[in-house]
Amino acid sequence: MFGIGDHWTDAAKLSRNLFPARDIQRHRRHRRERIALMNRLVEPAGLVCEDWDGDAFLLTDRAGRTRVAASLAEFWREAEALSGQAFDPLGVRFDGRAPQW
C-alpha cells in the first residue's frame, strides 16, 4: 500500500511471469477466499472486512467506523482496536465456539 511491501501470505502473487493474467486472477480468487474466512471470524464482533484495491483490508464496524490494515498481521490489531475485543483466530472454531480439546 504505502511502500510497506508484501506480506508472506501473498508470496504466490505473480509467481509465474509467463502468464501474468492467470496469476492476477488466482491471487484475487485467493484473496476473496481469505477475506470471506476473515469475515466469519470477525462478524460476531460486529465487523466487516472488505478488500481495498487488492493491497489492504478495510474493516468497518456497525457504527460505520473504519480502519485500514496493510497486512494480515495488522488486520488482527486493527480488528481488536475497532471492536474492543481480543481475537485469537487459531483458538476459535469457525462456528464461533471454543474448541473441544
N, C-alpha and C. Protein backbone atom coordinates (compact mmCIF):
# COMPACT_ATOMS: atom_id res chain seq x y z
N MET A 1 0.84 -1.17 0.00
CA MET A 1 0.00 0.00 0.00
C MET A 1 0.88 1.23 0.00
N PHE A 2 1.46 1.65 1.08
CA PHE A 2 2.29 2.85 1.13
C PHE A 2 3.77 2.46 1.17
N GLY A 3 4.14 1.56 0.27
CA GLY A 3 5.53 1.13 0.21
C GLY A 3 5.92 0.16 1.31
N ILE A 4 4.94 -0.50 1.93
CA ILE A 4 5.22 -1.38 3.05
C ILE A 4 5.73 -2.75 2.60
N GLY A 5 5.46 -3.16 1.38
CA GLY A 5 5.90 -4.45 0.88
C GLY A 5 4.87 -5.53 1.10
N ASP A 6 5.10 -6.67 0.47
CA ASP A 6 4.15 -7.77 0.55
C ASP A 6 4.26 -8.52 1.87
N HIS A 7 3.13 -9.05 2.32
CA HIS A 7 3.09 -9.93 3.48
C HIS A 7 3.38 -11.34 3.00
N TRP A 8 3.90 -12.21 3.86
CA TRP A 8 4.24 -13.57 3.44
C TRP A 8 3.05 -14.33 2.89
N THR A 9 1.82 -13.98 3.30
CA THR A 9 0.64 -14.69 2.80
C THR A 9 0.37 -14.39 1.33
N ASP A 10 1.00 -13.36 0.80
CA ASP A 10 0.85 -13.01 -0.61
C ASP A 10 2.03 -13.49 -1.44
N ALA A 11 2.80 -14.45 -0.93
CA ALA A 11 4.03 -14.89 -1.58
C ALA A 11 3.80 -15.45 -2.98
N ALA A 12 2.64 -16.03 -3.23
CA ALA A 12 2.38 -16.63 -4.54
C ALA A 12 1.95 -15.61 -5.59
N LYS A 13 1.75 -14.38 -5.19
CA LYS A 13 1.31 -13.34 -6.12
C LYS A 13 2.33 -13.19 -7.25
N LEU A 14 1.82 -13.29 -8.46
CA LEU A 14 2.64 -13.15 -9.66
C LEU A 14 3.87 -14.06 -9.65
N SER A 15 3.67 -15.31 -9.29
CA SER A 15 4.77 -16.26 -9.22
C SER A 15 5.16 -16.81 -10.59
N ARG A 16 4.26 -16.75 -11.54
CA ARG A 16 4.55 -17.26 -12.89
C ARG A 16 4.47 -16.10 -13.88
N ASN A 17 5.59 -15.51 -14.19
CA ASN A 17 5.61 -14.35 -15.08
C ASN A 17 5.20 -14.69 -16.50
N LEU A 18 5.16 -15.97 -16.84
CA LEU A 18 4.79 -16.38 -18.18
C LEU A 18 3.33 -16.05 -18.49
N PHE A 19 2.44 -16.20 -17.51
CA PHE A 19 1.02 -15.91 -17.68
C PHE A 19 0.55 -14.98 -16.57
N PRO A 20 0.91 -13.69 -16.61
CA PRO A 20 0.57 -12.79 -15.51
C PRO A 20 -0.93 -12.63 -15.29
N ALA A 21 -1.75 -12.72 -16.33
CA ALA A 21 -3.20 -12.57 -16.15
C ALA A 21 -3.75 -13.70 -15.27
N ARG A 22 -3.26 -14.92 -15.48
CA ARG A 22 -3.70 -16.05 -14.65
C ARG A 22 -3.26 -15.86 -13.21
N ASP A 23 -2.04 -15.36 -13.02
CA ASP A 23 -1.54 -15.12 -11.66
C ASP A 23 -2.40 -14.09 -10.95
N ILE A 24 -2.77 -13.04 -11.65
CA ILE A 24 -3.59 -11.99 -11.05
C ILE A 24 -4.96 -12.55 -10.69
N GLN A 25 -5.55 -13.35 -11.58
CA GLN A 25 -6.85 -13.96 -11.29
C GLN A 25 -6.76 -14.90 -10.09
N ARG A 26 -5.71 -15.71 -10.05
CA ARG A 26 -5.52 -16.64 -8.93
C ARG A 26 -5.32 -15.87 -7.63
N HIS A 27 -4.51 -14.83 -7.66
CA HIS A 27 -4.28 -14.01 -6.47
C HIS A 27 -5.59 -13.39 -5.98
N ARG A 28 -6.38 -12.85 -6.88
CA ARG A 28 -7.66 -12.24 -6.49
C ARG A 28 -8.63 -13.26 -5.93
N ARG A 29 -8.66 -14.46 -6.51
CA ARG A 29 -9.53 -15.52 -6.00
C ARG A 29 -9.11 -15.93 -4.59
N HIS A 30 -7.81 -16.12 -4.38
CA HIS A 30 -7.31 -16.48 -3.05
C HIS A 30 -7.59 -15.37 -2.05
N ARG A 31 -7.47 -14.14 -2.48
CA ARG A 31 -7.73 -13.00 -1.59
C ARG A 31 -9.22 -12.95 -1.20
N ARG A 32 -10.12 -13.20 -2.16
CA ARG A 32 -11.56 -13.25 -1.85
C ARG A 32 -11.86 -14.36 -0.85
N GLU A 33 -11.24 -15.52 -1.04
CA GLU A 33 -11.45 -16.64 -0.12
C GLU A 33 -10.94 -16.29 1.27
N ARG A 34 -9.77 -15.65 1.34
CA ARG A 34 -9.20 -15.26 2.63
C ARG A 34 -10.10 -14.25 3.34
N ILE A 35 -10.61 -13.28 2.60
CA ILE A 35 -11.48 -12.26 3.19
C ILE A 35 -12.79 -12.87 3.68
N ALA A 36 -13.33 -13.82 2.94
CA ALA A 36 -14.56 -14.50 3.38
C ALA A 36 -14.31 -15.23 4.70
N LEU A 37 -13.17 -15.87 4.82
CA LEU A 37 -12.80 -16.57 6.05
C LEU A 37 -12.61 -15.57 7.20
N MET A 38 -11.94 -14.47 6.93
CA MET A 38 -11.73 -13.45 7.95
C MET A 38 -13.06 -12.89 8.43
N ASN A 39 -14.00 -12.70 7.51
CA ASN A 39 -15.32 -12.19 7.89
C ASN A 39 -16.04 -13.14 8.82
N ARG A 40 -15.87 -14.45 8.61
CA ARG A 40 -16.50 -15.43 9.50
C ARG A 40 -15.97 -15.29 10.92
N LEU A 41 -14.73 -14.86 11.06
CA LEU A 41 -14.13 -14.73 12.38
C LEU A 41 -14.47 -13.42 13.07
N VAL A 42 -14.63 -12.34 12.31
CA VAL A 42 -14.86 -11.03 12.94
C VAL A 42 -16.33 -10.62 12.96
N GLU A 43 -17.18 -11.31 12.22
CA GLU A 43 -18.60 -10.95 12.16
C GLU A 43 -19.28 -10.99 13.53
N PRO A 44 -19.00 -11.97 14.40
CA PRO A 44 -19.64 -11.96 15.71
C PRO A 44 -19.32 -10.70 16.53
N ALA A 45 -18.21 -10.04 16.22
CA ALA A 45 -17.84 -8.80 16.92
C ALA A 45 -18.42 -7.57 16.24
N GLY A 46 -19.24 -7.77 15.21
CA GLY A 46 -19.87 -6.65 14.52
C GLY A 46 -18.98 -5.98 13.49
N LEU A 47 -17.98 -6.69 12.99
CA LEU A 47 -17.07 -6.13 12.00
C LEU A 47 -17.28 -6.76 10.63
N VAL A 48 -16.94 -5.99 9.62
CA VAL A 48 -16.98 -6.47 8.24
C VAL A 48 -15.65 -6.11 7.60
N CYS A 49 -15.07 -7.07 6.88
CA CYS A 49 -13.81 -6.85 6.19
C CYS A 49 -14.07 -6.82 4.69
N GLU A 50 -13.45 -5.87 4.02
CA GLU A 50 -13.54 -5.77 2.57
C GLU A 50 -12.14 -5.60 2.00
N ASP A 51 -12.00 -5.92 0.74
CA ASP A 51 -10.74 -5.72 0.04
C ASP A 51 -10.62 -4.25 -0.32
N TRP A 52 -9.42 -3.70 -0.16
CA TRP A 52 -9.19 -2.33 -0.55
C TRP A 52 -8.13 -2.32 -1.64
N ASP A 53 -8.59 -2.34 -2.87
CA ASP A 53 -7.75 -2.25 -4.06
C ASP A 53 -6.71 -3.38 -4.15
N GLY A 54 -7.00 -4.53 -3.54
CA GLY A 54 -6.08 -5.66 -3.62
C GLY A 54 -4.82 -5.51 -2.81
N ASP A 55 -4.67 -4.41 -2.08
CA ASP A 55 -3.44 -4.16 -1.33
C ASP A 55 -3.62 -4.04 0.16
N ALA A 56 -4.86 -3.88 0.62
CA ALA A 56 -5.10 -3.70 2.05
C ALA A 56 -6.49 -4.22 2.39
N PHE A 57 -6.76 -4.26 3.68
CA PHE A 57 -8.07 -4.69 4.18
C PHE A 57 -8.77 -3.51 4.82
N LEU A 58 -10.04 -3.35 4.52
CA LEU A 58 -10.85 -2.28 5.08
C LEU A 58 -11.79 -2.91 6.10
N LEU A 59 -11.67 -2.51 7.35
CA LEU A 59 -12.52 -3.02 8.43
C LEU A 59 -13.52 -1.96 8.83
N THR A 60 -14.78 -2.35 8.94
CA THR A 60 -15.83 -1.42 9.33
C THR A 60 -16.67 -2.05 10.43
N ASP A 61 -17.05 -1.22 11.44
CA ASP A 61 -17.93 -1.72 12.50
C ASP A 61 -19.36 -1.26 12.25
N ARG A 62 -20.27 -1.67 13.12
CA ARG A 62 -21.69 -1.35 12.94
C ARG A 62 -21.97 0.14 12.99
N ALA A 63 -21.12 0.90 13.68
CA ALA A 63 -21.31 2.35 13.78
C ALA A 63 -20.75 3.08 12.56
N GLY A 64 -20.09 2.35 11.66
CA GLY A 64 -19.53 2.96 10.46
C GLY A 64 -18.09 3.40 10.60
N ARG A 65 -17.49 3.17 11.77
CA ARG A 65 -16.07 3.49 11.93
C ARG A 65 -15.25 2.54 11.07
N THR A 66 -14.17 3.04 10.50
CA THR A 66 -13.38 2.27 9.56
C THR A 66 -11.90 2.34 9.89
N ARG A 67 -11.22 1.23 9.67
CA ARG A 67 -9.77 1.15 9.81
C ARG A 67 -9.22 0.42 8.60
N VAL A 68 -8.00 0.77 8.22
CA VAL A 68 -7.32 0.13 7.10
C VAL A 68 -6.13 -0.64 7.63
N ALA A 69 -6.00 -1.89 7.19
CA ALA A 69 -4.87 -2.73 7.58
C ALA A 69 -4.10 -3.12 6.33
N ALA A 70 -2.81 -2.89 6.35
CA ALA A 70 -1.97 -3.16 5.18
C ALA A 70 -1.58 -4.63 5.04
N SER A 71 -1.69 -5.41 6.13
CA SER A 71 -1.29 -6.81 6.08
C SER A 71 -2.22 -7.63 6.96
N LEU A 72 -2.09 -8.93 6.88
CA LEU A 72 -2.90 -9.81 7.70
C LEU A 72 -2.56 -9.64 9.18
N ALA A 73 -1.30 -9.48 9.50
CA ALA A 73 -0.90 -9.26 10.89
C ALA A 73 -1.49 -7.96 11.43
N GLU A 74 -1.46 -6.93 10.63
CA GLU A 74 -2.03 -5.64 11.04
C GLU A 74 -3.56 -5.72 11.15
N PHE A 75 -4.16 -6.57 10.33
CA PHE A 75 -5.61 -6.74 10.35
C PHE A 75 -6.12 -7.11 11.73
N TRP A 76 -5.44 -8.06 12.40
CA TRP A 76 -5.90 -8.51 13.71
C TRP A 76 -5.76 -7.41 14.75
N ARG A 77 -4.68 -6.63 14.68
CA ARG A 77 -4.52 -5.50 15.61
C ARG A 77 -5.63 -4.47 15.40
N GLU A 78 -5.94 -4.17 14.15
CA GLU A 78 -6.97 -3.18 13.85
C GLU A 78 -8.36 -3.70 14.25
N ALA A 79 -8.61 -4.99 14.05
CA ALA A 79 -9.89 -5.57 14.45
C ALA A 79 -10.08 -5.48 15.96
N GLU A 80 -9.02 -5.74 16.71
CA GLU A 80 -9.10 -5.62 18.17
C GLU A 80 -9.31 -4.18 18.60
N ALA A 81 -8.61 -3.24 17.96
CA ALA A 81 -8.76 -1.83 18.32
C ALA A 81 -10.16 -1.32 17.98
N LEU A 82 -10.71 -1.75 16.87
CA LEU A 82 -12.02 -1.28 16.42
C LEU A 82 -13.16 -1.89 17.24
N SER A 83 -13.03 -3.16 17.60
CA SER A 83 -14.11 -3.85 18.30
C SER A 83 -13.98 -3.81 19.82
N GLY A 84 -12.77 -3.59 20.31
CA GLY A 84 -12.54 -3.64 21.75
C GLY A 84 -12.49 -5.06 22.28
N GLN A 85 -12.37 -6.03 21.38
CA GLN A 85 -12.32 -7.44 21.76
C GLN A 85 -10.99 -8.04 21.32
N ALA A 86 -10.54 -9.04 22.04
CA ALA A 86 -9.33 -9.76 21.65
C ALA A 86 -9.71 -10.86 20.65
N PHE A 87 -8.86 -11.05 19.65
CA PHE A 87 -9.09 -12.08 18.65
C PHE A 87 -7.94 -13.07 18.68
N ASP A 88 -8.28 -14.36 18.67
CA ASP A 88 -7.30 -15.42 18.50
C ASP A 88 -7.85 -16.31 17.40
N PRO A 89 -7.48 -16.06 16.14
CA PRO A 89 -8.05 -16.82 15.03
C PRO A 89 -7.77 -18.31 15.09
N LEU A 90 -6.77 -18.72 15.86
CA LEU A 90 -6.46 -20.14 15.99
C LEU A 90 -7.17 -20.78 17.17
N GLY A 91 -7.80 -19.99 18.03
CA GLY A 91 -8.41 -20.52 19.23
C GLY A 91 -9.91 -20.68 19.16
N VAL A 92 -10.50 -20.38 18.02
CA VAL A 92 -11.95 -20.45 17.89
C VAL A 92 -12.29 -21.28 16.65
N ARG A 93 -13.26 -22.15 16.79
CA ARG A 93 -13.74 -22.88 15.63
C ARG A 93 -14.55 -21.93 14.77
N PHE A 94 -14.80 -22.26 13.54
CA PHE A 94 -15.48 -21.36 12.61
C PHE A 94 -16.96 -21.21 12.89
N ASP A 95 -17.50 -21.99 13.82
CA ASP A 95 -18.89 -21.78 14.20
C ASP A 95 -18.97 -20.86 15.42
N GLY A 96 -17.80 -20.31 15.84
CA GLY A 96 -17.79 -19.35 16.92
C GLY A 96 -17.63 -19.95 18.31
N ARG A 97 -17.62 -21.26 18.41
CA ARG A 97 -17.49 -21.91 19.73
C ARG A 97 -16.02 -22.23 20.00
N ALA A 98 -15.69 -22.29 21.28
CA ALA A 98 -14.34 -22.66 21.68
C ALA A 98 -14.06 -24.11 21.28
N PRO A 99 -12.84 -24.43 20.94
CA PRO A 99 -12.53 -25.82 20.55
C PRO A 99 -12.65 -26.76 21.74
N GLN A 100 -13.00 -27.99 21.45
CA GLN A 100 -13.12 -29.03 22.47
C GLN A 100 -11.82 -29.84 22.46
N TRP A 101 -11.00 -29.67 23.46
CA TRP A 101 -9.71 -30.37 23.50
C TRP A 101 -9.82 -31.68 24.18
